[in-house]
Amino acid sequence: SINDNEEEEGPQKAPATFSRPKYTVPNQEAEQRLANIQDKVQDAYRSGSYKTGLKHAQDYLNQVKKHFVDTQAAESSNARIQKKRYDHPAIASAHNDVGLFHKLLGDFDQS
């Protein structure tokens, strides 16, 4: 019998185990290349060279998509990621840069 001060013990649960996501070391060469393009975008903006800035921003967007999406898809067994979703924050930021240059050039439909 169980007295009032004792609780009935149920089946023991195994301690929870957590698997850490697989992280890879960033490709430093690719990220440096992206940083260099981003510097060109910023320099063009500061100097008022909006046509040049738009070209650099479009190049940056394409390179960021290639780097972040293709890398994630290749390294993941997750089907959602393998579908190449373009939801990385760097991609959103690159889209904003392209839109800004279109706006500055008066291409409001494109922005």
PDB file of N, CA and C in Angstrom:
ATOM      1  N   SER A   1       0.841  -1.180   0.000  1.00  0.00           N
ATOM      2  CA  SER A   1       0.000   0.000   0.000  1.00  0.00           C
ATOM      3  C   SER A   1       0.880   1.235   0.000  1.00  0.00           C
ATOM      4  N   ILE A   2       0.320   2.272  -0.530  1.00  0.00           N
ATOM      5  CA  ILE A   2       1.051   3.543  -0.602  1.00  0.00           C
ATOM      6  C   ILE A   2       0.512   4.430   0.496  1.00  0.00           C
ATOM      7  N   ASN A   3       1.434   4.937   1.314  1.00  0.00           N
ATOM      8  CA  ASN A   3       0.938   5.831   2.346  1.00  0.00           C
ATOM      9  C   ASN A   3       0.856   7.250   1.806  1.00  0.00           C
ATOM     10  N   ASP A   4       0.275   8.151   2.516  1.00  0.00           N
ATOM     11  CA  ASP A   4      -0.017   9.500   2.043  1.00  0.00           C
ATOM     12  C   ASP A   4       1.231  10.315   1.710  1.00  0.00           C
ATOM     13  N   ASN A   5       2.356  10.012   2.279  1.00  0.00           N
ATOM     14  CA  ASN A   5       3.570  10.795   2.049  1.00  0.00           C
ATOM     15  C   ASN A   5       4.377  10.307   0.849  1.00  0.00           C
ATOM     16  N   GLU A   6       4.006   9.166   0.308  1.00  0.00           N
ATOM     17  CA  GLU A   6       4.763   8.616  -0.810  1.00  0.00           C
ATOM     18  C   GLU A   6       3.937   8.720  -2.084  1.00  0.00           C
ATOM     19  N   GLU A   7       4.591   9.011  -3.189  1.00  0.00           N
ATOM     20  CA  GLU A   7       3.914   9.050  -4.474  1.00  0.00           C
ATOM     21  C   GLU A   7       4.262   7.789  -5.237  1.00  0.00           C
ATOM     22  N   GLU A   8       3.307   7.319  -6.005  1.00  0.00           N
ATOM     23  CA  GLU A   8       3.552   6.153  -6.825  1.00  0.00           C
ATOM     24  C   GLU A   8       4.467   6.543  -7.967  1.00  0.00           C
ATOM     25  N   GLU A   9       5.506   5.766  -8.172  1.00  0.00           N
ATOM     26  CA  GLU A   9       6.434   6.062  -9.259  1.00  0.00           C
ATOM     27  C   GLU A   9       5.953   5.387 -10.519  1.00  0.00           C
ATOM     28  N   GLY A  10       5.904   6.176 -11.610  1.00  0.00           N
ATOM     29  CA  GLY A  10       5.523   5.616 -12.894  1.00  0.00           C
ATOM     30  C   GLY A  10       6.768   5.114 -13.594  1.00  0.00           C
ATOM     31  N   PRO A  11       6.612   4.698 -14.839  1.00  0.00           N
ATOM     32  CA  PRO A  11       7.779   4.211 -15.583  1.00  0.00           C
ATOM     33  C   PRO A  11       8.813   5.320 -15.739  1.00  0.00           C
ATOM     34  N   GLN A  12      10.040   4.950 -15.605  1.00  0.00           N
ATOM     35  CA  GLN A  12      11.117   5.928 -15.736  1.00  0.00           C
ATOM     36  C   GLN A  12      11.267   6.330 -17.196  1.00  0.00           C
ATOM     37  N   LYS A  13      11.367   7.636 -17.438  1.00  0.00           N
ATOM     38  CA  LYS A  13      11.575   8.132 -18.796  1.00  0.00           C
ATOM     39  C   LYS A  13      13.063   8.281 -19.041  1.00  0.00           C
ATOM     40  N   ALA A  14      13.446   7.931 -20.241  1.00  0.00           N
ATOM     41  CA  ALA A  14      14.851   8.108 -20.610  1.00  0.00           C
ATOM     42  C   ALA A  14      15.132   9.597 -20.744  1.00  0.00           C
ATOM     43  N   PRO A  15      16.325  10.029 -20.387  1.00  0.00           N
ATOM     44  CA  PRO A  15      16.640  11.446 -20.530  1.00  0.00           C
ATOM     45  C   PRO A  15      16.520  11.856 -21.999  1.00  0.00           C
ATOM     46  N   ALA A  16      16.022  13.051 -22.196  1.00  0.00           N
ATOM     47  CA  ALA A  16      15.844  13.562 -23.561  1.00  0.00           C
ATOM     48  C   ALA A  16      17.200  13.760 -24.223  1.00  0.00           C
ATOM     49  N   THR A  17      17.264  13.400 -25.451  1.00  0.00           N
ATOM     50  CA  THR A  17      18.493  13.635 -26.208  1.00  0.00           C
ATOM     51  C   THR A  17      18.171  14.615 -27.321  1.00  0.00           C
ATOM     52  N   PHE A  18      19.069  15.490 -27.564  1.00  0.00           N
ATOM     53  CA  PHE A  18      18.884  16.508 -28.586  1.00  0.00           C
ATOM     54  C   PHE A  18      19.990  16.373 -29.607  1.00  0.00           C
ATOM     55  N   SER A  19      19.598  16.429 -30.839  1.00  0.00           N
ATOM     56  CA  SER A  19      20.633  16.414 -31.869  1.00  0.00           C
ATOM     57  C   SER A  19      20.845  17.848 -32.337  1.00  0.00           C
ATOM     58  N   ARG A  20      22.065  18.215 -32.422  1.00  0.00           N
ATOM     59  CA  ARG A  20      22.388  19.558 -32.878  1.00  0.00           C
ATOM     60  C   ARG A  20      22.333  19.606 -34.394  1.00  0.00           C
ATOM     61  N   PRO A  21      21.872  20.749 -34.924  1.00  0.00           N
ATOM     62  CA  PRO A  21      21.874  20.856 -36.377  1.00  0.00           C
ATOM     63  C   PRO A  21      23.297  20.783 -36.917  1.00  0.00           C
ATOM     64  N   LYS A  22      23.420  20.267 -38.105  1.00  0.00           N
ATOM     65  CA  LYS A  22      24.736  20.157 -38.719  1.00  0.00           C
ATOM     66  C   LYS A  22      25.131  21.521 -39.264  1.00  0.00           C
ATOM     67  N   TYR A  23      26.204  22.046 -38.772  1.00  0.00           N
ATOM     68  CA  TYR A  23      26.705  23.323 -39.245  1.00  0.00           C
ATOM     69  C   TYR A  23      28.008  23.089 -39.990  1.00  0.00           C
ATOM     70  N   THR A  24      28.205  23.858 -40.994  1.00  0.00           N
ATOM     71  CA  THR A  24      29.454  23.763 -41.728  1.00  0.00           C
ATOM     72  C   THR A  24      30.192  25.082 -41.574  1.00  0.00           C
ATOM     73  N   VAL A  25      31.466  25.019 -41.770  1.00  0.00           N
ATOM     74  CA  VAL A  25      32.267  26.235 -41.727  1.00  0.00           C
ATOM     75  C   VAL A  25      31.943  27.044 -42.969  1.00  0.00           C
ATOM     76  N   PRO A  26      31.643  28.332 -42.810  1.00  0.00           N
ATOM     77  CA  PRO A  26      31.317  29.145 -43.974  1.00  0.00           C
ATOM     78  C   PRO A  26      32.466  29.164 -44.975  1.00  0.00           C
ATOM     79  N   ASN A  27      32.094  29.251 -46.234  1.00  0.00           N
ATOM     80  CA  ASN A  27      33.076  29.376 -47.292  1.00  0.00           C
ATOM     81  C   ASN A  27      33.595  30.808 -47.245  1.00  0.00           C
ATOM     82  N   GLN A  28      34.744  30.981 -46.629  1.00  0.00           N
ATOM     83  CA  GLN A  28      35.265  32.328 -46.398  1.00  0.00           C
ATOM     84  C   GLN A  28      35.590  33.060 -47.698  1.00  0.00           C
ATOM     85  N   GLU A  29      36.030  32.324 -48.693  1.00  0.00           N
ATOM     86  CA  GLU A  29      36.340  32.952 -49.983  1.00  0.00           C
ATOM     87  C   GLU A  29      35.065  33.505 -50.622  1.00  0.00           C
ATOM     88  N   ALA A  30      34.001  32.726 -50.607  1.00  0.00           N
ATOM     89  CA  ALA A  30      32.729  33.177 -51.184  1.00  0.00           C
ATOM     90  C   ALA A  30      32.160  34.344 -50.394  1.00  0.00           C
ATOM     91  N   GLU A  31      32.242  34.273 -49.085  1.00  0.00           N
ATOM     92  CA  GLU A  31      31.708  35.361 -48.278  1.00  0.00           C
ATOM     93  C   GLU A  31      32.524  36.637 -48.435  1.00  0.00           C
ATOM     94  N   GLN A  32      33.810  36.524 -48.644  1.00  0.00           N
ATOM     95  CA  GLN A  32      34.636  37.707 -48.916  1.00  0.00           C
ATOM     96  C   GLN A  32      34.261  38.316 -50.270  1.00  0.00           C
ATOM     97  N   ARG A  33      33.996  37.455 -51.237  1.00  0.00           N
ATOM     98  CA  ARG A  33      33.577  37.925 -52.557  1.00  0.00           C
ATOM     99  C   ARG A  33      32.242  38.674 -52.443  1.00  0.00           C
ATOM    100  N   LEU A  34      31.326  38.148 -51.653  1.00  0.00           N
ATOM    101  CA  LEU A  34      30.045  38.820 -51.426  1.00  0.00           C
ATOM    102  C   LEU A  34      30.240  40.162 -50.725  1.00  0.00           C
ATOM    103  N   ALA A  35      31.127  40.191 -49.758  1.00  0.00           N
ATOM    104  CA  ALA A  35      31.404  41.444 -49.043  1.00  0.00           C
ATOM    105  C   ALA A  35      31.982  42.494 -49.989  1.00  0.00           C
ATOM    106  N   ASN A  36      32.823  42.063 -50.918  1.00  0.00           N
ATOM    107  CA  ASN A  36      33.399  43.005 -51.881  1.00  0.00           C
ATOM    108  C   ASN A  36      32.333  43.592 -52.797  1.00  0.00           C
ATOM    109  N   ILE A  37      31.398  42.751 -53.224  1.00  0.00           N
ATOM    110  CA  ILE A  37      30.308  43.260 -54.071  1.00  0.00           C
ATOM    111  C   ILE A  37      29.434  44.214 -53.273  1.00  0.00           C
ATOM    112  N   GLN A  38      29.166  43.868 -52.038  1.00  0.00           N
ATOM    113  CA  GLN A  38      28.352  44.727 -51.183  1.00  0.00           C
ATOM    114  C   GLN A  38      29.025  46.080 -50.971  1.00  0.00           C
ATOM    115  N   ASP A  39      30.335  46.096 -50.849  1.00  0.00           N
ATOM    116  CA  ASP A  39      31.068  47.365 -50.741  1.00  0.00           C
ATOM    117  C   ASP A  39      30.872  48.213 -51.993  1.00  0.00           C
ATOM    118  N   LYS A  40      30.872  47.567 -53.153  1.00  0.00           N
ATOM    119  CA  LYS A  40      30.651  48.291 -54.413  1.00  0.00           C
ATOM    120  C   LYS A  40      29.246  48.893 -54.457  1.00  0.00           C
ATOM    121  N   VAL A  41      28.270  48.155 -53.956  1.00  0.00           N
ATOM    122  CA  VAL A  41      26.895  48.655 -53.890  1.00  0.00           C
ATOM    123  C   VAL A  41      26.845  49.903 -53.015  1.00  0.00           C
ATOM    124  N   GLN A  42      27.458  49.832 -51.858  1.00  0.00           N
ATOM    125  CA  GLN A  42      27.446  50.966 -50.925  1.00  0.00           C
ATOM    126  C   GLN A  42      28.203  52.169 -51.484  1.00  0.00           C
ATOM    127  N   ASP A  43      29.335  51.924 -52.125  1.00  0.00           N
ATOM    128  CA  ASP A  43      30.104  53.018 -52.717  1.00  0.00           C
ATOM    129  C   ASP A  43      29.308  53.716 -53.816  1.00  0.00           C
ATOM    130  N   ALA A  44      28.618  52.931 -54.644  1.00  0.00           N
ATOM    131  CA  ALA A  44      27.809  53.516 -55.715  1.00  0.00           C
ATOM    132  C   ALA A  44      26.673  54.351 -55.128  1.00  0.00           C
ATOM    133  N   TYR A  45      26.065  53.885 -54.073  1.00  0.00           N
ATOM    134  CA  TYR A  45      24.989  54.642 -53.424  1.00  0.00           C
ATOM    135  C   TYR A  45      25.519  55.966 -52.881  1.00  0.00           C
ATOM    136  N   ARG A  46      26.629  55.904 -52.162  1.00  0.00           N
ATOM    137  CA  ARG A  46      27.199  57.117 -51.563  1.00  0.00           C
ATOM    138  C   ARG A  46      27.611  58.149 -52.606  1.00  0.00           C
ATOM    139  N   SER A  47      28.095  57.666 -53.758  1.00  0.00           N
ATOM    140  CA  SER A  47      28.576  58.590 -54.788  1.00  0.00           C
ATOM    141  C   SER A  47      27.465  59.024 -55.736  1.00  0.00           C
ATOM    142  N   GLY A  48      26.273  58.472 -55.587  1.00  0.00           N
ATOM    143  CA  GLY A  48      25.152  58.848 -56.448  1.00  0.00           C
ATOM    144  C   GLY A  48      25.192  58.166 -57.806  1.00  0.00           C
ATOM    145  N   SER A  49      25.991  57.131 -57.956  1.00  0.00           N
ATOM    146  CA  SER A  49      26.091  56.386 -59.219  1.00  0.00           C
ATOM    147  C   SER A  49      25.056  55.259 -59.204  1.00  0.00           C
ATOM    148  N   TYR A  50      23.806  55.649 -59.398  1.00  0.00           N
ATOM    149  CA  TYR A  50      22.723  54.707 -59.184  1.00  0.00           C
ATOM    150  C   TYR A  50      22.631  53.616 -60.254  1.00  0.00           C
ATOM    151  N   LYS A  51      22.964  53.930 -61.488  1.00  0.00           N
ATOM    152  CA  LYS A  51      22.946  52.883 -62.519  1.00  0.00           C
ATOM    153  C   LYS A  51      23.998  51.824 -62.220  1.00  0.00           C
ATOM    154  N   THR A  52      25.173  52.281 -61.839  1.00  0.00           N
ATOM    155  CA  THR A  52      26.236  51.345 -61.467  1.00  0.00           C
ATOM    156  C   THR A  52      25.830  50.569 -60.222  1.00  0.00           C
ATOM    157  N   GLY A  53      25.243  51.270 -59.276  1.00  0.00           N
ATOM    158  CA  GLY A  53      24.790  50.631 -58.046  1.00  0.00           C
ATOM    159  C   GLY A  53      23.757  49.553 -58.308  1.00  0.00           C
ATOM    160  N   LEU A  54      22.853  49.830 -59.264  1.00  0.00           N
ATOM    161  CA  LEU A  54      21.843  48.830 -59.603  1.00  0.00           C
ATOM    162  C   LEU A  54      22.489  47.575 -60.177  1.00  0.00           C
ATOM    163  N   LYS A  55      23.474  47.756 -61.034  1.00  0.00           N
ATOM    164  CA  LYS A  55      24.170  46.591 -61.607  1.00  0.00           C
ATOM    165  C   LYS A  55      24.841  45.768 -60.514  1.00  0.00           C
ATOM    166  N   HIS A  56      25.511  46.462 -59.604  1.00  0.00           N
ATOM    167  CA  HIS A  56      26.178  45.758 -58.505  1.00  0.00           C
ATOM    168  C   HIS A  56      25.155  45.095 -57.577  1.00  0.00           C
ATOM    169  N   ALA A  57      24.038  45.780 -57.328  1.00  0.00           N
ATOM    170  CA  ALA A  57      23.006  45.222 -56.443  1.00  0.00           C
ATOM    171  C   ALA A  57      22.385  43.968 -57.065  1.00  0.00           C
ATOM    172  N   GLN A  58      22.160  43.996 -58.370  1.00  0.00           N
ATOM    173  CA  GLN A  58      21.619  42.818 -59.050  1.00  0.00           C
ATOM    174  C   GLN A  58      22.626  41.658 -59.023  1.00  0.00           C
ATOM    175  N   ASP A  59      23.878  41.978 -59.229  1.00  0.00           N
ATOM    176  CA  ASP A  59      24.923  40.956 -59.153  1.00  0.00           C
ATOM    177  C   ASP A  59      24.981  40.369 -57.740  1.00  0.00           C
ATOM    178  N   TYR A  60      24.919  41.245 -56.751  1.00  0.00           N
ATOM    179  CA  TYR A  60      24.956  40.802 -55.356  1.00  0.00           C
ATOM    180  C   TYR A  60      23.776  39.877 -55.053  1.00  0.00           C
ATOM    181  N   LEU A  61      22.580  40.258 -55.518  1.00  0.00           N
ATOM    182  CA  LEU A  61      21.393  39.438 -55.297  1.00  0.00           C
ATOM    183  C   LEU A  61      21.580  38.043 -55.898  1.00  0.00           C
ATOM    184  N   ASN A  62      22.048  37.989 -57.120  1.00  0.00           N
ATOM    185  CA  ASN A  62      22.261  36.693 -57.768  1.00  0.00           C
ATOM    186  C   ASN A  62      23.297  35.852 -57.037  1.00  0.00           C
ATOM    187  N   GLN A  63      24.372  36.487 -56.603  1.00  0.00           N
ATOM    188  CA  GLN A  63      25.425  35.754 -55.902  1.00  0.00           C
ATOM    189  C   GLN A  63      24.964  35.281 -54.521  1.00  0.00           C
ATOM    190  N   VAL A  64      24.197  36.116 -53.829  1.00  0.00           N
ATOM    191  CA  VAL A  64      23.690  35.743 -52.502  1.00  0.00           C
ATOM    192  C   VAL A  64      22.725  34.568 -52.619  1.00  0.00           C
ATOM    193  N   LYS A  65      21.845  34.616 -53.623  1.00  0.00           N
ATOM    194  CA  LYS A  65      20.927  33.490 -53.832  1.00  0.00           C
ATOM    195  C   LYS A  65      21.720  32.209 -54.079  1.00  0.00           C
ATOM    196  N   LYS A  66      22.694  32.315 -54.951  1.00  0.00           N
ATOM    197  CA  LYS A  66      23.493  31.136 -55.280  1.00  0.00           C
ATOM    198  C   LYS A  66      24.223  30.607 -54.045  1.00  0.00           C
ATOM    199  N   HIS A  67      24.825  31.510 -53.299  1.00  0.00           N
ATOM    200  CA  HIS A  67      25.620  31.095 -52.137  1.00  0.00           C
ATOM    201  C   HIS A  67      24.749  30.483 -51.040  1.00  0.00           C
ATOM    202  N   PHE A  68      23.735  31.194 -50.593  1.00  0.00           N
ATOM    203  CA  PHE A  68      22.984  30.736 -49.437  1.00  0.00           C
ATOM    204  C   PHE A  68      21.998  29.635 -49.774  1.00  0.00           C
ATOM    205  N   VAL A  69      21.279  29.733 -50.851  1.00  0.00           N
ATOM    206  CA  VAL A  69      20.261  28.738 -51.164  1.00  0.00           C
ATOM    207  C   VAL A  69      20.892  27.456 -51.662  1.00  0.00           C
ATOM    208  N   ASP A  70      21.782  27.525 -52.623  1.00  0.00           N
ATOM    209  CA  ASP A  70      22.396  26.316 -53.154  1.00  0.00           C
ATOM    210  C   ASP A  70      23.205  25.591 -52.083  1.00  0.00           C
ATOM    211  N   THR A  71      23.893  26.336 -51.230  1.00  0.00           N
ATOM    212  CA  THR A  71      24.674  25.734 -50.164  1.00  0.00           C
ATOM    213  C   THR A  71      23.769  25.010 -49.182  1.00  0.00           C
ATOM    214  N   GLN A  72      22.682  25.654 -48.768  1.00  0.00           N
ATOM    215  CA  GLN A  72      21.756  25.016 -47.832  1.00  0.00           C
ATOM    216  C   GLN A  72      21.146  23.771 -48.439  1.00  0.00           C
ATOM    217  N   ALA A  73      20.733  23.848 -49.697  1.00  0.00           N
ATOM    218  CA  ALA A  73      20.085  22.705 -50.341  1.00  0.00           C
ATOM    219  C   ALA A  73      21.044  21.532 -50.467  1.00  0.00           C
ATOM    220  N   ALA A  74      22.286  21.820 -50.789  1.00  0.00           N
ATOM    221  CA  ALA A  74      23.266  20.749 -50.971  1.00  0.00           C
ATOM    222  C   ALA A  74      23.622  20.063 -49.655  1.00  0.00           C
ATOM    223  N   GLU A  75      23.567  20.813 -48.560  1.00  0.00           N
ATOM    224  CA  GLU A  75      24.016  20.281 -47.281  1.00  0.00           C
ATOM    225  C   GLU A  75      22.891  19.695 -46.434  1.00  0.00           C
ATOM    226  N   SER A  76      21.659  19.818 -46.891  1.00  0.00           N
ATOM    227  CA  SER A  76      20.556  19.421 -46.037  1.00  0.00           C
ATOM    228  C   SER A  76      19.832  18.188 -46.564  1.00  0.00           C
ATOM    229  N   SER A  77      19.354  17.401 -45.616  1.00  0.00           N
ATOM    230  CA  SER A  77      18.486  16.292 -45.987  1.00  0.00           C
ATOM    231  C   SER A  77      17.030  16.705 -45.809  1.00  0.00           C
ATOM    232  N   ASN A  78      16.807  17.930 -45.341  1.00  0.00           N
ATOM    233  CA  ASN A  78      15.468  18.459 -45.124  1.00  0.00           C
ATOM    234  C   ASN A  78      14.844  18.827 -46.472  1.00  0.00           C
ATOM    235  N   ALA A  79      13.728  18.221 -46.797  1.00  0.00           N
ATOM    236  CA  ALA A  79      13.089  18.441 -48.104  1.00  0.00           C
ATOM    237  C   ALA A  79      12.679  19.890 -48.290  1.00  0.00           C
ATOM    238  N   ARG A  80      12.277  20.571 -47.208  1.00  0.00           N
ATOM    239  CA  ARG A  80      11.867  21.979 -47.322  1.00  0.00           C
ATOM    240  C   ARG A  80      13.023  22.835 -47.806  1.00  0.00           C
ATOM    241  N   ILE A  81      14.194  22.596 -47.275  1.00  0.00           N
ATOM    242  CA  ILE A  81      15.366  23.372 -47.672  1.00  0.00           C
ATOM    243  C   ILE A  81      15.810  22.970 -49.073  1.00  0.00           C
ATOM    244  N   GLN A  82      15.677  21.710 -49.401  1.00  0.00           N
ATOM    245  CA  GLN A  82      16.099  21.262 -50.727  1.00  0.00           C
ATOM    246  C   GLN A  82      15.244  21.859 -51.837  1.00  0.00           C
ATOM    247  N   LYS A  83      14.064  22.360 -51.509  1.00  0.00           N
ATOM    248  CA  LYS A  83      13.211  22.991 -52.509  1.00  0.00           C
ATOM    249  C   LYS A  83      13.703  24.392 -52.875  1.00  0.00           C
ATOM    250  N   LYS A  84      14.809  24.799 -52.328  1.00  0.00           N
ATOM    251  CA  LYS A  84      15.455  26.073 -52.623  1.00  0.00           C
ATOM    252  C   LYS A  84      14.546  27.265 -52.321  1.00  0.00           C
ATOM    253  N   ARG A  85      14.137  27.364 -51.096  1.00  0.00           N
ATOM    254  CA  ARG A  85      13.357  28.528 -50.665  1.00  0.00           C
ATOM    255  C   ARG A  85      14.310  29.695 -50.490  1.00  0.00           C
ATOM    256  N   TYR A  86      13.897  30.805 -50.995  1.00  0.00           N
ATOM    257  CA  TYR A  86      14.734  31.997 -50.954  1.00  0.00           C
ATOM    258  C   TYR A  86      14.360  32.874 -49.759  1.00  0.00           C
ATOM    259  N   ASP A  87      14.402  32.308 -48.555  1.00  0.00           N
ATOM    260  CA  ASP A  87      13.970  33.052 -47.384  1.00  0.00           C
ATOM    261  C   ASP A  87      15.113  33.424 -46.433  1.00  0.00           C
ATOM    262  N   HIS A  88      16.326  33.413 -46.922  1.00  0.00           N
ATOM    263  CA  HIS A  88      17.457  33.810 -46.084  1.00  0.00           C
ATOM    264  C   HIS A  88      17.449  35.338 -45.928  1.00  0.00           C
ATOM    265  N   PRO A  89      17.738  35.867 -44.749  1.00  0.00           N
ATOM    266  CA  PRO A  89      17.722  37.321 -44.534  1.00  0.00           C
ATOM    267  C   PRO A  89      18.652  38.089 -45.477  1.00  0.00           C
ATOM    268  N   ALA A  90      19.769  37.508 -45.852  1.00  0.00           N
ATOM    269  CA  ALA A  90      20.683  38.198 -46.770  1.00  0.00           C
ATOM    270  C   ALA A  90      20.047  38.366 -48.144  1.00  0.00           C
ATOM    271  N   ILE A  91      19.206  37.416 -48.528  1.00  0.00           N
ATOM    272  CA  ILE A  91      18.519  37.521 -49.813  1.00  0.00           C
ATOM    273  C   ILE A  91      17.476  38.626 -49.752  1.00  0.00           C
ATOM    274  N   ALA A  92      16.757  38.721 -48.658  1.00  0.00           N
ATOM    275  CA  ALA A  92      15.771  39.794 -48.494  1.00  0.00           C
ATOM    276  C   ALA A  92      16.446  41.159 -48.538  1.00  0.00           C
ATOM    277  N   SER A  93      17.575  41.276 -47.879  1.00  0.00           N
ATOM    278  CA  SER A  93      18.324  42.529 -47.875  1.00  0.00           C
ATOM    279  C   SER A  93      18.797  42.900 -49.278  1.00  0.00           C
ATOM    280  N   ALA A  94      19.253  41.905 -50.036  1.00  0.00           N
ATOM    281  CA  ALA A  94      19.712  42.157 -51.403  1.00  0.00           C
ATOM    282  C   ALA A  94      18.551  42.613 -52.291  1.00  0.00           C
ATOM    283  N   HIS A  95      17.373  42.030 -52.084  1.00  0.00           N
ATOM    284  CA  HIS A  95      16.185  42.490 -52.825  1.00  0.00           C
ATOM    285  C   HIS A  95      15.884  43.949 -52.499  1.00  0.00           C
ATOM    286  N   ASN A  96      16.030  44.323 -51.233  1.00  0.00           N
ATOM    287  CA  ASN A  96      15.804  45.715 -50.833  1.00  0.00           C
ATOM    288  C   ASN A  96      16.771  46.653 -51.542  1.00  0.00           C
ATOM    289  N   ASP A  97      18.021  46.243 -51.670  1.00  0.00           N
ATOM    290  CA  ASP A  97      19.011  47.083 -52.360  1.00  0.00           C
ATOM    291  C   ASP A  97      18.628  47.296 -53.822  1.00  0.00           C
ATOM    292  N   VAL A  98      18.217  46.229 -54.496  1.00  0.00           N
ATOM    293  CA  VAL A  98      17.804  46.346 -55.900  1.00  0.00           C
ATOM    294  C   VAL A  98      16.610  47.281 -56.004  1.00  0.00           C
ATOM    295  N   GLY A  99      15.632  47.105 -55.127  1.00  0.00           N
ATOM    296  CA  GLY A  99      14.453  47.972 -55.131  1.00  0.00           C
ATOM    297  C   GLY A  99      14.794  49.424 -54.876  1.00  0.00           C
ATOM    298  N   LEU A 100      15.721  49.669 -53.971  1.00  0.00           N
ATOM    299  CA  LEU A 100      16.132  51.042 -53.668  1.00  0.00           C
ATOM    300  C   LEU A 100      16.733  51.715 -54.898  1.00  0.00           C
ATOM    301  N   PHE A 101      17.622  51.021 -55.593  1.00  0.00           N
ATOM    302  CA  PHE A 101      18.238  51.627 -56.769  1.00  0.00           C
ATOM    303  C   PHE A 101      17.215  51.869 -57.878  1.00  0.00           C
ATOM    304  N   HIS A 102      16.259  50.957 -58.047  1.00  0.00           N
ATOM    305  CA  HIS A 102      15.195  51.205 -59.017  1.00  0.00           C
ATOM    306  C   HIS A 102      14.416  52.462 -58.627  1.00  0.00           C
ATOM    307  N   LYS A 103      14.128  52.601 -57.352  1.00  0.00           N
ATOM    308  CA  LYS A 103      13.398  53.781 -56.870  1.00  0.00           C
ATOM    309  C   LYS A 103      14.202  55.047 -57.125  1.00  0.00           C
ATOM    310  N   LEU A 104      15.481  55.015 -56.816  1.00  0.00           N
ATOM    311  CA  LEU A 104      16.334  56.194 -57.008  1.00  0.00           C
ATOM    312  C   LEU A 104      16.459  56.574 -58.483  1.00  0.00           C
ATOM    313  N   LEU A 105      16.333  55.589 -59.371  1.00  0.00           N
ATOM    314  CA  LEU A 105      16.393  55.850 -60.807  1.00  0.00           C
ATOM    315  C   LEU A 105      15.016  56.201 -61.396  1.00  0.00           C
ATOM    316  N   GLY A 106      14.004  56.223 -60.549  1.00  0.00           N
ATOM    317  CA  GLY A 106      12.652  56.556 -61.013  1.00  0.00           C
ATOM    318  C   GLY A 106      11.907  55.395 -61.619  1.00  0.00           C
ATOM    319  N   ASP A 107      12.440  54.191 -61.518  1.00  0.00           N
ATOM    320  CA  ASP A 107      11.790  52.989 -62.041  1.00  0.00           C
ATOM    321  C   ASP A 107      10.858  52.418 -60.971  1.00  0.00           C
ATOM    322  N   PHE A 108       9.777  53.151 -60.717  1.00  0.00           N
ATOM    323  CA  PHE A 108       8.903  52.788 -59.591  1.00  0.00           C
ATOM    324  C   PHE A 108       8.213  51.447 -59.794  1.00  0.00           C
ATOM    325  N   ASP A 109       7.885  51.097 -61.036  1.00  0.00           N
ATOM    326  CA  ASP A 109       7.253  49.785 -61.288  1.00  0.00           C
ATOM    327  C   ASP A 109       8.200  48.648 -60.955  1.00  0.00           C
ATOM    328  N   GLN A 110       9.490  48.850 -61.179  1.00  0.00           N
ATOM    329  CA  GLN A 110      10.489  47.825 -60.889  1.00  0.00           C
ATOM    330  C   GLN A 110      10.817  47.737 -59.405  1.00  0.00           C
ATOM    331  N   SER A 111      10.672  48.863 -58.708  1.00  0.00           N
ATOM    332  CA  SER A 111      11.032  48.872 -57.298  1.00  0.00           C
ATOM    333  C   SER A 111       9.946  48.218 -56.507  1.00  0.00           C
TER     334      SER A 111
END
